[in-house]
Amino acid sequence: MFADVLGVPRVGIDDSFFALGGHSLLATRLIGRARAELGIELPIRKIFDLPTVSALAAWSQESAAPRRPGLRRMPVEE
């Protein structure tokens, strides 16, 4: 997700989101991707405090980051 949002070919687990060109608008895109693909609620402050894949992954596992249930199709009422 980091590489895709940042538009770079590769991101190492210890590369900083901001050192690779990230900024607040891209951080909001990353939040949306984390929500959609992983079902986690990632506060924007965490990206600033923990700007690497390894740090965010550790936070997600240790803090029991809030998870959202996946979207599911609902019947349409006439």
PDB file of N, CA and C in Angstrom:
ATOM      1  N   MET A   1       0.822  -1.187   0.000  1.00  0.00           N
ATOM      2  CA  MET A   1       0.000   0.000   0.000  1.00  0.00           C
ATOM      3  C   MET A   1       0.870   1.257   0.000  1.00  0.00           C
ATOM      4  N   PHE A   2       1.945   1.235   0.781  1.00  0.00           N
ATOM      5  CA  PHE A   2       2.848   2.394   0.805  1.00  0.00           C
ATOM      6  C   PHE A   2       3.330   2.709  -0.606  1.00  0.00           C
ATOM      7  N   ALA A   3       3.872   1.714  -1.299  1.00  0.00           N
ATOM      8  CA  ALA A   3       4.443   1.924  -2.629  1.00  0.00           C
ATOM      9  C   ALA A   3       3.387   2.454  -3.591  1.00  0.00           C
ATOM     10  N   ASP A   4       2.210   1.890  -3.549  1.00  0.00           N
ATOM     11  CA  ASP A   4       1.151   2.309  -4.458  1.00  0.00           C
ATOM     12  C   ASP A   4       0.734   3.748  -4.179  1.00  0.00           C
ATOM     13  N   VAL A   5       0.510   4.084  -2.933  1.00  0.00           N
ATOM     14  CA  VAL A   5       0.092   5.436  -2.569  1.00  0.00           C
ATOM     15  C   VAL A   5       1.187   6.454  -2.900  1.00  0.00           C
ATOM     16  N   LEU A   6       2.437   6.074  -2.671  1.00  0.00           N
ATOM     17  CA  LEU A   6       3.552   6.988  -2.914  1.00  0.00           C
ATOM     18  C   LEU A   6       3.994   7.023  -4.375  1.00  0.00           C
ATOM     19  N   GLY A   7       3.538   6.050  -5.165  1.00  0.00           N
ATOM     20  CA  GLY A   7       3.928   6.007  -6.574  1.00  0.00           C
ATOM     21  C   GLY A   7       5.382   5.629  -6.777  1.00  0.00           C
ATOM     22  N   VAL A   8       5.886   4.768  -5.909  1.00  0.00           N
ATOM     23  CA  VAL A   8       7.266   4.282  -6.035  1.00  0.00           C
ATOM     24  C   VAL A   8       7.223   2.776  -6.286  1.00  0.00           C
ATOM     25  N   PRO A   9       8.272   2.247  -6.923  1.00  0.00           N
ATOM     26  CA  PRO A   9       8.244   0.818  -7.242  1.00  0.00           C
ATOM     27  C   PRO A   9       8.357  -0.094  -6.035  1.00  0.00           C
ATOM     28  N   ARG A  10       9.031   0.377  -4.996  1.00  0.00           N
ATOM     29  CA  ARG A  10       9.298  -0.502  -3.858  1.00  0.00           C
ATOM     30  C   ARG A  10       9.467   0.291  -2.579  1.00  0.00           C
ATOM     31  N   VAL A  11       9.011  -0.286  -1.467  1.00  0.00           N
ATOM     32  CA  VAL A  11       9.201   0.332  -0.155  1.00  0.00           C
ATOM     33  C   VAL A  11       9.672  -0.757   0.791  1.00  0.00           C
ATOM     34  N   GLY A  12      10.776  -0.493   1.494  1.00  0.00           N
ATOM     35  CA  GLY A  12      11.259  -1.415   2.506  1.00  0.00           C
ATOM     36  C   GLY A  12      10.468  -1.224   3.796  1.00  0.00           C
ATOM     37  N   ILE A  13      10.486  -2.233   4.647  1.00  0.00           N
ATOM     38  CA  ILE A  13       9.675  -2.147   5.869  1.00  0.00           C
ATOM     39  C   ILE A  13      10.145  -1.054   6.831  1.00  0.00           C
ATOM     40  N   ASP A  14      11.382  -0.593   6.673  1.00  0.00           N
ATOM     41  CA  ASP A  14      11.893   0.457   7.551  1.00  0.00           C
ATOM     42  C   ASP A  14      12.056   1.800   6.853  1.00  0.00           C
ATOM     43  N   ASP A  15      11.531   1.927   5.621  1.00  0.00           N
ATOM     44  CA  ASP A  15      11.571   3.209   4.907  1.00  0.00           C
ATOM     45  C   ASP A  15      10.474   4.123   5.438  1.00  0.00           C
ATOM     46  N   SER A  16      10.816   5.383   5.626  1.00  0.00           N
ATOM     47  CA  SER A  16       9.850   6.356   6.140  1.00  0.00           C
ATOM     48  C   SER A  16       8.911   6.822   5.030  1.00  0.00           C
ATOM     49  N   PHE A  17       7.637   6.823   5.328  1.00  0.00           N
ATOM     50  CA  PHE A  17       6.607   7.308   4.413  1.00  0.00           C
ATOM     51  C   PHE A  17       6.949   8.719   3.936  1.00  0.00           C
ATOM     52  N   PHE A  18       7.403   9.556   4.834  1.00  0.00           N
ATOM     53  CA  PHE A  18       7.669  10.956   4.508  1.00  0.00           C
ATOM     54  C   PHE A  18       9.001  11.144   3.784  1.00  0.00           C
ATOM     55  N   ALA A  19       9.982  10.320   4.082  1.00  0.00           N
ATOM     56  CA  ALA A  19      11.258  10.396   3.364  1.00  0.00           C
ATOM     57  C   ALA A  19      11.094   9.976   1.907  1.00  0.00           C
ATOM     58  N   LEU A  20      10.080   9.183   1.629  1.00  0.00           N
ATOM     59  CA  LEU A  20       9.816   8.728   0.265  1.00  0.00           C
ATOM     60  C   LEU A  20       8.865   9.660  -0.486  1.00  0.00           C
ATOM     61  N   GLY A  21       8.571  10.805   0.092  1.00  0.00           N
ATOM     62  CA  GLY A  21       7.736  11.789  -0.592  1.00  0.00           C
ATOM     63  C   GLY A  21       6.324  11.895  -0.077  1.00  0.00           C
ATOM     64  N   GLY A  22       6.002  11.193   0.994  1.00  0.00           N
ATOM     65  CA  GLY A  22       4.650  11.249   1.552  1.00  0.00           C
ATOM     66  C   GLY A  22       4.361  12.597   2.183  1.00  0.00           C
ATOM     67  N   HIS A  23       3.098  12.945   2.218  1.00  0.00           N
ATOM     68  CA  HIS A  23       2.629  14.162   2.876  1.00  0.00           C
ATOM     69  C   HIS A  23       1.214  13.889   3.384  1.00  0.00           C
ATOM     70  N   SER A  24       0.600  14.877   3.993  1.00  0.00           N
ATOM     71  CA  SER A  24      -0.684  14.654   4.668  1.00  0.00           C
ATOM     72  C   SER A  24      -1.780  14.168   3.717  1.00  0.00           C
ATOM     73  N   LEU A  25      -1.821  14.654   2.500  1.00  0.00           N
ATOM     74  CA  LEU A  25      -2.868  14.205   1.574  1.00  0.00           C
ATOM     75  C   LEU A  25      -2.667  12.746   1.183  1.00  0.00           C
ATOM     76  N   LEU A  26      -1.414  12.357   0.976  1.00  0.00           N
ATOM     77  CA  LEU A  26      -1.141  10.949   0.676  1.00  0.00           C
ATOM     78  C   LEU A  26      -1.391  10.078   1.896  1.00  0.00           C
ATOM     79  N   ALA A  27      -1.167  10.631   3.079  1.00  0.00           N
ATOM     80  CA  ALA A  27      -1.454   9.876   4.304  1.00  0.00           C
ATOM     81  C   ALA A  27      -2.945   9.556   4.394  1.00  0.00           C
ATOM     82  N   THR A  28      -3.798  10.495   3.974  1.00  0.00           N
ATOM     83  CA  THR A  28      -5.238  10.215   4.001  1.00  0.00           C
ATOM     84  C   THR A  28      -5.598   9.129   2.992  1.00  0.00           C
ATOM     85  N   ARG A  29      -4.903   9.087   1.875  1.00  0.00           N
ATOM     86  CA  ARG A  29      -5.117   7.991   0.916  1.00  0.00           C
ATOM     87  C   ARG A  29      -4.705   6.655   1.528  1.00  0.00           C
ATOM     88  N   LEU A  30      -3.588   6.659   2.239  1.00  0.00           N
ATOM     89  CA  LEU A  30      -3.120   5.444   2.897  1.00  0.00           C
ATOM     90  C   LEU A  30      -4.145   4.965   3.928  1.00  0.00           C
ATOM     91  N   ILE A  31      -4.730   5.886   4.650  1.00  0.00           N
ATOM     92  CA  ILE A  31      -5.763   5.546   5.635  1.00  0.00           C
ATOM     93  C   ILE A  31      -6.942   4.868   4.951  1.00  0.00           C
ATOM     94  N   GLY A  32      -7.358   5.429   3.831  1.00  0.00           N
ATOM     95  CA  GLY A  32      -8.465   4.839   3.089  1.00  0.00           C
ATOM     96  C   GLY A  32      -8.145   3.446   2.591  1.00  0.00           C
ATOM     97  N   ARG A  33      -6.931   3.244   2.106  1.00  0.00           N
ATOM     98  CA  ARG A  33      -6.519   1.921   1.640  1.00  0.00           C
ATOM     99  C   ARG A  33      -6.459   0.932   2.788  1.00  0.00           C
ATOM    100  N   ALA A  34      -5.931   1.353   3.936  1.00  0.00           N
ATOM    101  CA  ALA A  34      -5.863   0.464   5.105  1.00  0.00           C
ATOM    102  C   ALA A  34      -7.255   0.061   5.548  1.00  0.00           C
ATOM    103  N   ARG A  35      -8.175   0.995   5.494  1.00  0.00           N
ATOM    104  CA  ARG A  35      -9.560   0.711   5.876  1.00  0.00           C
ATOM    105  C   ARG A  35     -10.190  -0.273   4.891  1.00  0.00           C
ATOM    106  N   ALA A  36     -10.014  -0.012   3.604  1.00  0.00           N
ATOM    107  CA  ALA A  36     -10.648  -0.848   2.575  1.00  0.00           C
ATOM    108  C   ALA A  36     -10.028  -2.236   2.478  1.00  0.00           C
ATOM    109  N   GLU A  37      -8.708  -2.311   2.526  1.00  0.00           N
ATOM    110  CA  GLU A  37      -8.032  -3.591   2.294  1.00  0.00           C
ATOM    111  C   GLU A  37      -7.785  -4.413   3.559  1.00  0.00           C
ATOM    112  N   LEU A  38      -7.570  -3.732   4.674  1.00  0.00           N
ATOM    113  CA  LEU A  38      -7.249  -4.446   5.910  1.00  0.00           C
ATOM    114  C   LEU A  38      -8.348  -4.353   6.962  1.00  0.00           C
ATOM    115  N   GLY A  39      -9.282  -3.449   6.741  1.00  0.00           N
ATOM    116  CA  GLY A  39     -10.366  -3.279   7.697  1.00  0.00           C
ATOM    117  C   GLY A  39      -9.946  -2.633   8.998  1.00  0.00           C
ATOM    118  N   ILE A  40      -8.838  -1.879   8.989  1.00  0.00           N
ATOM    119  CA  ILE A  40      -8.410  -1.229  10.237  1.00  0.00           C
ATOM    120  C   ILE A  40      -8.613   0.277  10.166  1.00  0.00           C
ATOM    121  N   GLU A  41      -8.850   0.846  11.300  1.00  0.00           N
ATOM    122  CA  GLU A  41      -8.963   2.290  11.440  1.00  0.00           C
ATOM    123  C   GLU A  41      -7.586   2.810  11.853  1.00  0.00           C
ATOM    124  N   LEU A  42      -6.960   3.512  10.959  1.00  0.00           N
ATOM    125  CA  LEU A  42      -5.618   4.029  11.180  1.00  0.00           C
ATOM    126  C   LEU A  42      -5.702   5.541  11.363  1.00  0.00           C
ATOM    127  N   PRO A  43      -5.506   6.028  12.577  1.00  0.00           N
ATOM    128  CA  PRO A  43      -5.537   7.476  12.788  1.00  0.00           C
ATOM    129  C   PRO A  43      -4.379   8.151  12.050  1.00  0.00           C
ATOM    130  N   ILE A  44      -4.637   9.281  11.452  1.00  0.00           N
ATOM    131  CA  ILE A  44      -3.589   9.967  10.691  1.00  0.00           C
ATOM    132  C   ILE A  44      -2.379  10.279  11.571  1.00  0.00           C
ATOM    133  N   ARG A  45      -2.616  10.561  12.827  1.00  0.00           N
ATOM    134  CA  ARG A  45      -1.511  10.863  13.748  1.00  0.00           C
ATOM    135  C   ARG A  45      -0.518   9.700  13.824  1.00  0.00           C
ATOM    136  N   LYS A  46      -1.017   8.470  13.709  1.00  0.00           N
ATOM    137  CA  LYS A  46      -0.134   7.295  13.777  1.00  0.00           C
ATOM    138  C   LYS A  46       0.846   7.273  12.610  1.00  0.00           C
ATOM    139  N   ILE A  47       0.436   7.741  11.441  1.00  0.00           N
ATOM    140  CA  ILE A  47       1.353   7.762  10.299  1.00  0.00           C
ATOM    141  C   ILE A  47       2.483   8.742  10.566  1.00  0.00           C
ATOM    142  N   PHE A  48       2.162   9.863  11.193  1.00  0.00           N
ATOM    143  CA  PHE A  48       3.204  10.831  11.529  1.00  0.00           C
ATOM    144  C   PHE A  48       4.110  10.314  12.644  1.00  0.00           C
ATOM    145  N   ASP A  49       3.532   9.635  13.629  1.00  0.00           N
ATOM    146  CA  ASP A  49       4.310   9.114  14.752  1.00  0.00           C
ATOM    147  C   ASP A  49       5.080   7.843  14.390  1.00  0.00           C
ATOM    148  N   LEU A  50       4.510   7.024  13.534  1.00  0.00           N
ATOM    149  CA  LEU A  50       5.083   5.719  13.173  1.00  0.00           C
ATOM    150  C   LEU A  50       5.116   5.602  11.647  1.00  0.00           C
ATOM    151  N   PRO A  51       6.047   6.289  10.978  1.00  0.00           N
ATOM    152  CA  PRO A  51       5.989   6.414   9.518  1.00  0.00           C
ATOM    153  C   PRO A  51       6.521   5.235   8.703  1.00  0.00           C
ATOM    154  N   THR A  52       6.821   4.121   9.340  1.00  0.00           N
ATOM    155  CA  THR A  52       7.332   2.970   8.590  1.00  0.00           C
ATOM    156  C   THR A  52       6.330   1.819   8.612  1.00  0.00           C
ATOM    157  N   VAL A  53       6.459   0.958   7.627  1.00  0.00           N
ATOM    158  CA  VAL A  53       5.588  -0.219   7.562  1.00  0.00           C
ATOM    159  C   VAL A  53       5.752  -1.054   8.827  1.00  0.00           C
ATOM    160  N   SER A  54       6.994  -1.265   9.241  1.00  0.00           N
ATOM    161  CA  SER A  54       7.224  -2.115  10.415  1.00  0.00           C
ATOM    162  C   SER A  54       6.616  -1.507  11.677  1.00  0.00           C
ATOM    163  N   ALA A  55       6.741  -0.206  11.867  1.00  0.00           N
ATOM    164  CA  ALA A  55       6.192   0.440  13.060  1.00  0.00           C
ATOM    165  C   ALA A  55       4.662   0.407  13.057  1.00  0.00           C
ATOM    166  N   LEU A  56       4.053   0.676  11.899  1.00  0.00           N
ATOM    167  CA  LEU A  56       2.586   0.650  11.824  1.00  0.00           C
ATOM    168  C   LEU A  56       2.045  -0.765  12.000  1.00  0.00           C
ATOM    169  N   ALA A  57       2.755  -1.750  11.451  1.00  0.00           N
ATOM    170  CA  ALA A  57       2.320  -3.139  11.608  1.00  0.00           C
ATOM    171  C   ALA A  57       2.386  -3.551  13.073  1.00  0.00           C
ATOM    172  N   ALA A  58       3.459  -3.171  13.756  1.00  0.00           N
ATOM    173  CA  ALA A  58       3.588  -3.499  15.181  1.00  0.00           C
ATOM    174  C   ALA A  58       2.476  -2.826  15.984  1.00  0.00           C
ATOM    175  N   TRP A  59       2.212  -1.557  15.702  1.00  0.00           N
ATOM    176  CA  TRP A  59       1.131  -0.850  16.395  1.00  0.00           C
ATOM    177  C   TRP A  59      -0.204  -1.550  16.161  1.00  0.00           C
ATOM    178  N   SER A  60      -0.444  -1.927  14.924  1.00  0.00           N
ATOM    179  CA  SER A  60      -1.708  -2.583  14.583  1.00  0.00           C
ATOM    180  C   SER A  60      -1.897  -3.875  15.362  1.00  0.00           C
ATOM    181  N   GLN A  61      -0.841  -4.644  15.518  1.00  0.00           N
ATOM    182  CA  GLN A  61      -0.931  -5.915  16.244  1.00  0.00           C
ATOM    183  C   GLN A  61      -0.989  -5.717  17.757  1.00  0.00           C
ATOM    184  N   GLU A  62      -0.171  -4.801  18.270  1.00  0.00           N
ATOM    185  CA  GLU A  62      -0.081  -4.607  19.723  1.00  0.00           C
ATOM    186  C   GLU A  62      -1.264  -3.859  20.301  1.00  0.00           C
ATOM    187  N   SER A  63      -1.776  -2.915  19.561  1.00  0.00           N
ATOM    188  CA  SER A  63      -2.822  -2.060  20.123  1.00  0.00           C
ATOM    189  C   SER A  63      -4.217  -2.576  19.847  1.00  0.00           C
ATOM    190  N   ALA A  64      -4.301  -3.663  19.153  1.00  0.00           N
ATOM    191  CA  ALA A  64      -5.622  -4.165  18.738  1.00  0.00           C
ATOM    192  C   ALA A  64      -6.378  -3.041  18.041  1.00  0.00           C
ATOM    193  N   ALA A  65      -5.749  -2.505  17.000  1.00  0.00           N
ATOM    194  CA  ALA A  65      -6.346  -1.415  16.226  1.00  0.00           C
ATOM    195  C   ALA A  65      -7.780  -1.768  15.862  1.00  0.00           C
ATOM    196  N   PRO A  66      -8.661  -0.804  15.998  1.00  0.00           N
ATOM    197  CA  PRO A  66     -10.070  -1.083  15.687  1.00  0.00           C
ATOM    198  C   PRO A  66     -10.230  -1.628  14.273  1.00  0.00           C
ATOM    199  N   ARG A  67     -10.993  -2.654  14.149  1.00  0.00           N
ATOM    200  CA  ARG A  67     -11.247  -3.267  12.845  1.00  0.00           C
ATOM    201  C   ARG A  67     -12.680  -2.991  12.439  1.00  0.00           C
ATOM    202  N   ARG A  68     -12.856  -2.741  11.180  1.00  0.00           N
ATOM    203  CA  ARG A  68     -14.203  -2.533  10.641  1.00  0.00           C
ATOM    204  C   ARG A  68     -14.635  -3.796   9.927  1.00  0.00           C
ATOM    205  N   PRO A  69     -15.889  -4.150  10.047  1.00  0.00           N
ATOM    206  CA  PRO A  69     -16.359  -5.290   9.270  1.00  0.00           C
ATOM    207  C   PRO A  69     -16.341  -4.939   7.790  1.00  0.00           C
ATOM    208  N   GLY A  70     -16.088  -5.931   6.954  1.00  0.00           N
ATOM    209  CA  GLY A  70     -16.074  -5.706   5.521  1.00  0.00           C
ATOM    210  C   GLY A  70     -17.449  -5.325   4.999  1.00  0.00           C
ATOM    211  N   LEU A  71     -17.451  -4.651   3.882  1.00  0.00           N
ATOM    212  CA  LEU A  71     -18.711  -4.296   3.253  1.00  0.00           C
ATOM    213  C   LEU A  71     -19.364  -5.544   2.688  1.00  0.00           C
ATOM    214  N   ARG A  72     -20.660  -5.577   2.754  1.00  0.00           N
ATOM    215  CA  ARG A  72     -21.363  -6.707   2.171  1.00  0.00           C
ATOM    216  C   ARG A  72     -22.566  -6.187   1.405  1.00  0.00           C
ATOM    217  N   ARG A  73     -22.943  -6.923   0.405  1.00  0.00           N
ATOM    218  CA  ARG A  73     -24.055  -6.537  -0.437  1.00  0.00           C
ATOM    219  C   ARG A  73     -25.360  -6.691   0.328  1.00  0.00           C
ATOM    220  N   MET A  74     -26.195  -5.702   0.233  1.00  0.00           N
ATOM    221  CA  MET A  74     -27.489  -5.729   0.893  1.00  0.00           C
ATOM    222  C   MET A  74     -28.574  -5.757  -0.179  1.00  0.00           C
ATOM    223  N   PRO A  75     -29.676  -6.424   0.116  1.00  0.00           N
ATOM    224  CA  PRO A  75     -30.767  -6.426  -0.871  1.00  0.00           C
ATOM    225  C   PRO A  75     -31.349  -5.030  -1.035  1.00  0.00           C
ATOM    226  N   VAL A  76     -31.730  -4.732  -2.252  1.00  0.00           N
ATOM    227  CA  VAL A  76     -32.330  -3.435  -2.552  1.00  0.00           C
ATOM    228  C   VAL A  76     -33.835  -3.557  -2.387  1.00  0.00           C
ATOM    229  N   GLU A  77     -34.396  -2.654  -1.620  1.00  0.00           N
ATOM    230  CA  GLU A  77     -35.837  -2.662  -1.431  1.00  0.00           C
ATOM    231  C   GLU A  77     -36.485  -1.875  -2.547  1.00  0.00           C
ATOM    232  N   GLU A  78     -37.571  -2.396  -3.042  1.00  0.00           N
ATOM    233  CA  GLU A  78     -38.297  -1.741  -4.145  1.00  0.00           C
ATOM    234  C   GLU A  78     -38.974  -0.488  -3.677  1.00  0.00           C
TER     235      GLU A  78
END
